[in-house]
Amino acid sequence: MYSILLLCGGLAGVTTVLFGFGGGFVVVPLLYVLLISIHGSNSEAGLAAMHIAVATSTALMVFAASLATWRHHRRHTVQWHLVRPLVGYIAMGAVLGAAAAVSLSGEWVRWAFIGYLCITITDAVLRPGFLHQAGSNVRPMGRAVTAITGTFIGAVAALLGVGGSVMTVPLMRRRGASMTAATAMANPLSLPMAVSGTATYVLLSANHPALEGWYAGYVDLRALLVLAVGSWFGIRLASIWIGRIPDRIHARVYLLLLAMVLVVMVFMH
């Protein structure tokens, strides 16, 4: 189990630094499958598997997004003037999203995850502005749009444990950002969601009967440690490719990875 977690932590690190979404889209399906296969779908841990997967994924983002943000900052790919206005609103939305996830059944959270993936992929393929770069300058948003967008991103990201990149990357892409710039901004924008969401998951689920031993609320601490070590290696190895992937290929691989995760989430149970 731990060797698989280490390997997938490395994959999460690679996709975090290059695509901005390595945490949730890799870790949530992985942990869900492992928990069901180890404990059985009718056990207490099995019934809470989706909540544990989402909460642990959210906690991993605190580490992975911080390290990836530092790597991008050193390469001067983060446009901080566009990131800062969204941070507070994303943190507030994350508290709402995590609280909602705790109150919903694991199956509801799983299908919400699947539904959002379908919407995101369809929108990126059919609506202009994602597969081809719209321009060289990123257009800023007004205050009201920033508040609404940031709160919505934080709520959905914490509910699904996906870091918000599935929304921030297409958003920045359609406002004129290159894929390198869009994914660079996705990482610091994941941090407020990760911190707020993790704290909410821990506090609201501390007394769950299925979570004895190495758990902090719904967060599986042993899995988190192994995943964090793997993601460190993955981020370190992938950092050499920052800014070197052709924009059109970068966008297409991003959508391909989303489609692969969608297939896994639909057919696993």
Protein backbone atom coordinates (compact mmCIF):
# COMPACT_ATOMS: atom_id res chain seq x y z
CA MET A 1 0.00 0.00 0.00
CA TYR A 2 2.70 2.50 1.00
CA SER A 3 4.77 1.90 -2.15
CA ILE A 4 1.66 2.69 -4.22
CA LEU A 5 1.04 5.83 -2.16
CA LEU A 6 4.68 6.91 -2.61
CA LEU A 7 4.49 6.42 -6.38
CA CYS A 8 1.19 8.24 -6.68
CA GLY A 9 2.47 11.00 -4.41
CA GLY A 10 5.26 11.47 -6.93
CA LEU A 11 2.73 11.62 -9.75
CA ALA A 12 0.69 14.14 -7.75
CA GLY A 13 3.82 16.27 -7.36
CA VAL A 14 4.53 16.21 -11.09
CA THR A 15 0.99 17.19 -12.04
CA THR A 16 0.83 19.81 -9.27
CA VAL A 17 3.84 21.74 -10.50
CA LEU A 18 3.11 21.34 -14.22
CA PHE A 19 -0.71 21.41 -14.30
CA GLY A 20 -1.77 22.81 -10.93
CA PHE A 21 -4.11 19.97 -9.95
CA GLY A 22 -1.99 17.04 -8.78
CA GLY A 23 -3.49 16.74 -5.30
CA GLY A 24 -7.16 15.98 -5.71
CA PHE A 25 -7.32 14.49 -9.16
CA VAL A 26 -4.66 11.90 -8.36
CA VAL A 27 -5.05 11.34 -4.61
CA VAL A 28 -8.86 11.23 -4.29
CA PRO A 29 -9.41 8.30 -6.71
CA LEU A 30 -6.32 6.50 -5.35
CA LEU A 31 -7.26 6.70 -1.67
CA TYR A 32 -10.89 5.89 -2.37
CA VAL A 33 -9.93 2.66 -4.17
CA LEU A 34 -7.33 1.68 -1.55
CA LEU A 35 -9.67 2.23 1.40
CA ILE A 36 -12.47 0.22 -0.22
CA SER A 37 -10.12 -2.62 -1.20
CA ILE A 38 -8.48 -2.82 2.25
CA HIS A 39 -11.49 -2.31 4.55
CA GLY A 40 -14.42 -3.33 2.33
CA SER A 41 -17.22 -1.09 1.12
CA ASN A 42 -19.52 -1.91 4.07
CA SER A 43 -17.02 -1.22 6.86
CA GLU A 44 -16.99 2.05 8.79
CA ALA A 45 -13.81 3.14 6.98
CA GLY A 46 -15.26 2.01 3.66
CA LEU A 47 -18.44 4.01 4.17
CA ALA A 48 -16.31 7.07 5.01
CA ALA A 49 -13.81 6.38 2.19
CA MET A 50 -14.75 9.32 -0.01
CA HIS A 51 -14.68 11.76 2.91
CA ILE A 52 -11.26 10.44 4.02
CA ALA A 53 -9.92 10.64 0.46
CA VAL A 54 -11.11 14.23 -0.05
CA ALA A 55 -9.89 15.41 3.38
CA THR A 56 -6.45 13.78 3.03
CA SER A 57 -6.12 15.19 -0.49
CA THR A 58 -6.95 18.65 0.82
CA ALA A 59 -4.30 18.34 3.56
CA LEU A 60 -1.69 17.19 1.01
CA MET A 61 -2.32 20.36 -0.98
CA VAL A 62 -1.00 22.48 1.90
CA PHE A 63 2.42 20.88 1.37
CA ALA A 64 2.39 20.31 -2.39
CA ALA A 65 0.93 23.67 -3.38
CA SER A 66 3.38 25.51 -1.09
CA LEU A 67 6.38 23.78 -2.63
CA ALA A 68 5.08 24.17 -6.19
CA THR A 69 4.35 27.85 -5.56
CA TRP A 70 7.92 28.39 -4.40
CA ARG A 71 9.27 26.65 -7.51
CA HIS A 72 7.13 28.79 -9.81
CA HIS A 73 8.00 31.96 -7.86
CA ARG A 74 11.69 31.27 -8.42
CA ARG A 75 10.99 31.00 -12.16
CA HIS A 76 8.99 34.28 -12.07
CA THR A 77 5.87 32.66 -13.56
CA VAL A 78 3.38 33.71 -10.83
CA GLN A 79 1.50 36.96 -11.51
CA TRP A 80 0.95 37.95 -7.88
CA HIS A 81 -1.16 41.03 -8.65
CA LEU A 82 -3.85 38.70 -10.02
CA VAL A 83 -3.51 36.11 -7.24
CA ARG A 84 -3.76 38.34 -4.13
CA PRO A 85 -7.34 39.67 -4.63
CA LEU A 86 -8.76 36.11 -4.81
CA VAL A 87 -7.01 34.60 -1.78
CA GLY A 88 -9.35 35.76 1.02
CA TYR A 89 -12.53 34.90 -0.87
CA ILE A 90 -11.24 31.42 -1.72
CA ALA A 91 -10.44 30.80 1.97
CA MET A 92 -13.97 31.79 3.01
CA GLY A 93 -15.53 29.62 0.33
CA ALA A 94 -13.37 26.67 1.40
CA VAL A 95 -14.87 26.68 4.89
CA LEU A 96 -18.37 26.49 3.39
CA GLY A 97 -17.40 23.73 0.96
CA ALA A 98 -15.70 21.54 3.58
CA ALA A 99 -18.64 21.93 5.96
CA ALA A 100 -21.01 20.88 3.17
CA ALA A 101 -18.87 17.85 2.29
CA VAL A 102 -18.90 16.58 5.89
CA SER A 103 -22.70 16.73 5.94
CA LEU A 104 -23.16 14.87 2.63
CA SER A 105 -22.82 11.13 2.00
CA GLY A 106 -19.65 9.84 0.34
CA GLU A 107 -21.60 8.77 -2.75
CA TRP A 108 -22.98 12.28 -3.21
CA VAL A 109 -19.46 13.74 -3.00
CA ARG A 110 -18.22 11.16 -5.54
CA TRP A 111 -20.93 12.03 -8.06
CA ALA A 112 -20.38 15.75 -7.48
CA PHE A 113 -16.71 15.13 -8.33
CA ILE A 114 -17.70 13.27 -11.53
CA GLY A 115 -20.25 15.90 -12.53
CA TYR A 116 -17.80 18.74 -12.20
CA LEU A 117 -15.19 16.90 -14.25
CA CYS A 118 -17.73 16.38 -17.05
CA ILE A 119 -18.71 20.05 -17.06
CA THR A 120 -15.09 21.24 -17.04
CA ILE A 121 -13.92 19.00 -19.88
CA THR A 122 -16.96 19.74 -22.06
CA ASP A 123 -16.66 23.48 -21.49
CA ALA A 124 -12.91 23.50 -22.29
CA VAL A 125 -13.41 21.55 -25.53
CA LEU A 126 -16.54 23.26 -26.88
CA ARG A 127 -16.10 26.87 -25.76
CA PRO A 128 -13.31 28.97 -27.32
CA GLY A 129 -10.48 30.26 -25.17
CA PHE A 130 -8.91 27.19 -23.55
CA LEU A 131 -7.21 25.08 -26.20
CA HIS A 132 -5.74 28.15 -27.90
CA GLN A 133 -4.15 31.03 -26.03
CA ALA A 134 -6.33 34.12 -26.24
CA GLY A 135 -3.54 36.66 -25.93
CA SER A 136 -0.35 37.64 -24.13
CA ASN A 137 -1.82 39.74 -21.27
CA VAL A 138 -4.13 38.47 -18.52
CA ARG A 139 -7.22 40.64 -18.09
CA PRO A 140 -7.98 41.41 -14.39
CA MET A 141 -11.47 40.99 -12.90
CA GLY A 142 -13.61 43.62 -11.16
CA ARG A 143 -14.17 43.55 -7.38
CA ALA A 144 -17.65 42.01 -7.45
CA VAL A 145 -16.65 39.33 -9.96
CA THR A 146 -13.52 38.59 -7.92
CA ALA A 147 -15.57 38.13 -4.72
CA ILE A 148 -18.18 35.87 -6.32
CA THR A 149 -15.66 33.86 -8.32
CA GLY A 150 -13.25 33.40 -5.41
CA THR A 151 -15.94 32.25 -2.98
CA PHE A 152 -17.36 29.81 -5.53
CA ILE A 153 -13.93 28.38 -6.35
CA GLY A 154 -13.10 27.86 -2.67
CA ALA A 155 -16.44 26.19 -1.90
CA VAL A 156 -16.38 23.76 -4.84
CA ALA A 157 -12.68 22.98 -4.41
CA ALA A 158 -13.02 22.11 -0.71
CA LEU A 159 -16.20 20.12 -1.35
CA LEU A 160 -14.42 17.96 -3.94
CA GLY A 161 -10.84 18.15 -2.61
CA VAL A 162 -9.43 19.31 -5.95
CA GLY A 163 -7.55 22.48 -5.08
CA GLY A 164 -9.51 24.83 -7.28
CA SER A 165 -7.17 24.41 -10.25
CA VAL A 166 -9.96 22.87 -12.32
CA MET A 167 -11.60 26.31 -12.13
CA THR A 168 -8.67 28.71 -11.83
CA VAL A 169 -6.72 27.29 -14.80
CA PRO A 170 -9.63 27.60 -17.30
CA LEU A 171 -10.53 30.99 -15.77
CA MET A 172 -7.04 32.44 -16.22
CA ARG A 173 -6.69 30.72 -19.57
CA ARG A 174 -9.77 32.46 -20.95
CA ARG A 175 -8.54 35.78 -19.60
CA GLY A 176 -5.45 35.54 -21.78
CA ALA A 177 -2.92 33.57 -19.70
CA SER A 178 -0.54 31.00 -21.11
CA MET A 179 -0.80 27.50 -19.65
CA THR A 180 2.44 28.08 -17.73
CA ALA A 181 1.05 31.26 -16.15
CA ALA A 182 -2.39 29.72 -15.50
CA THR A 183 -0.99 26.64 -13.75
CA ALA A 184 1.52 28.78 -11.83
CA MET A 185 -1.32 30.87 -10.39
CA ALA A 186 -3.39 27.77 -9.58
CA ASN A 187 -0.90 26.66 -6.92
CA PRO A 188 -0.92 29.73 -4.61
CA LEU A 189 -4.69 29.97 -5.13
CA SER A 190 -4.99 26.40 -3.83
CA LEU A 191 -3.27 27.27 -0.55
CA PRO A 192 -6.07 29.24 1.18
CA MET A 193 -8.55 26.52 0.21
CA ALA A 194 -6.22 23.80 1.48
CA VAL A 195 -5.57 25.44 4.86
CA SER A 196 -9.19 26.43 5.54
CA GLY A 197 -10.60 23.18 4.17
CA THR A 198 -8.22 20.95 6.15
CA ALA A 199 -8.96 22.77 9.41
CA THR A 200 -12.71 22.42 8.78
CA TYR A 201 -12.46 18.69 7.99
CA VAL A 202 -10.45 18.06 11.16
CA LEU A 203 -12.70 20.06 13.47
CA LEU A 204 -16.07 18.87 12.13
CA SER A 205 -15.22 15.16 11.98
CA ALA A 206 -12.96 14.68 15.01
CA ASN A 207 -15.31 12.21 16.74
CA HIS A 208 -16.27 10.01 13.78
CA PRO A 209 -16.41 6.34 14.92
CA ALA A 210 -14.51 5.08 11.88
CA LEU A 211 -11.51 7.30 12.48
CA GLU A 212 -9.51 5.81 15.30
CA GLY A 213 -5.72 5.73 15.45
CA TRP A 214 -3.72 7.64 12.84
CA TYR A 215 -6.45 10.08 11.90
CA ALA A 216 -6.98 13.79 12.49
CA GLY A 217 -10.67 14.11 11.76
CA TYR A 218 -11.08 12.64 8.29
CA VAL A 219 -7.37 13.12 7.45
CA ASP A 220 -5.39 9.85 7.21
CA LEU A 221 -2.04 10.97 8.70
CA ARG A 222 0.01 7.94 7.64
CA ALA A 223 -1.16 8.17 4.04
CA LEU A 224 -0.59 11.93 4.11
CA LEU A 225 3.05 11.54 5.23
CA VAL A 226 3.88 9.01 2.49
CA LEU A 227 2.09 11.07 -0.16
CA ALA A 228 3.96 14.21 0.93
CA VAL A 229 7.34 12.50 0.59
CA GLY A 230 6.40 11.24 -2.88
CA SER A 231 5.10 14.64 -3.97
CA TRP A 232 8.36 16.30 -2.88
CA PHE A 233 10.31 14.03 -5.22
CA GLY A 234 7.80 14.56 -8.03
CA ILE A 235 7.85 18.36 -7.74
CA ARG A 236 11.65 18.40 -7.62
CA LEU A 237 11.94 16.29 -10.77
CA ALA A 238 9.24 18.10 -12.76
CA SER A 239 10.40 21.64 -11.96
CA ILE A 240 12.93 21.55 -14.80
CA TRP A 241 9.98 21.53 -17.26
CA ILE A 242 8.37 24.73 -15.98
CA GLY A 243 7.86 27.03 -18.97
CA ARG A 244 9.33 24.54 -21.46
CA ILE A 245 6.17 22.72 -22.62
CA PRO A 246 4.61 24.18 -25.81
CA ASP A 247 1.37 25.96 -24.92
CA ARG A 248 -0.95 23.96 -27.20
CA ILE A 249 0.46 20.62 -26.01
CA HIS A 250 0.26 21.79 -22.40
CA ALA A 251 -3.47 22.56 -22.77
CA ARG A 252 -4.26 19.24 -24.49
CA VAL A 253 -2.38 17.15 -21.91
CA TYR A 254 -4.23 19.00 -19.13
CA LEU A 255 -7.59 17.93 -20.61
CA LEU A 256 -6.34 14.39 -21.27
CA LEU A 257 -5.39 13.99 -17.61
CA LEU A 258 -8.81 15.24 -16.53
CA ALA A 259 -10.47 12.72 -18.86
CA MET A 260 -8.39 9.86 -17.43
CA VAL A 261 -9.40 10.72 -13.87
CA LEU A 262 -13.05 10.96 -14.96
CA VAL A 263 -12.93 7.40 -16.31
CA VAL A 264 -11.42 6.12 -13.06
CA MET A 265 -14.03 7.87 -10.93
CA VAL A 266 -16.97 6.64 -13.04
CA PHE A 267 -16.02 2.96 -13.06
CA MET A 268 -14.63 2.48 -9.57
CA HIS A 269 -16.87 1.50 -6.68
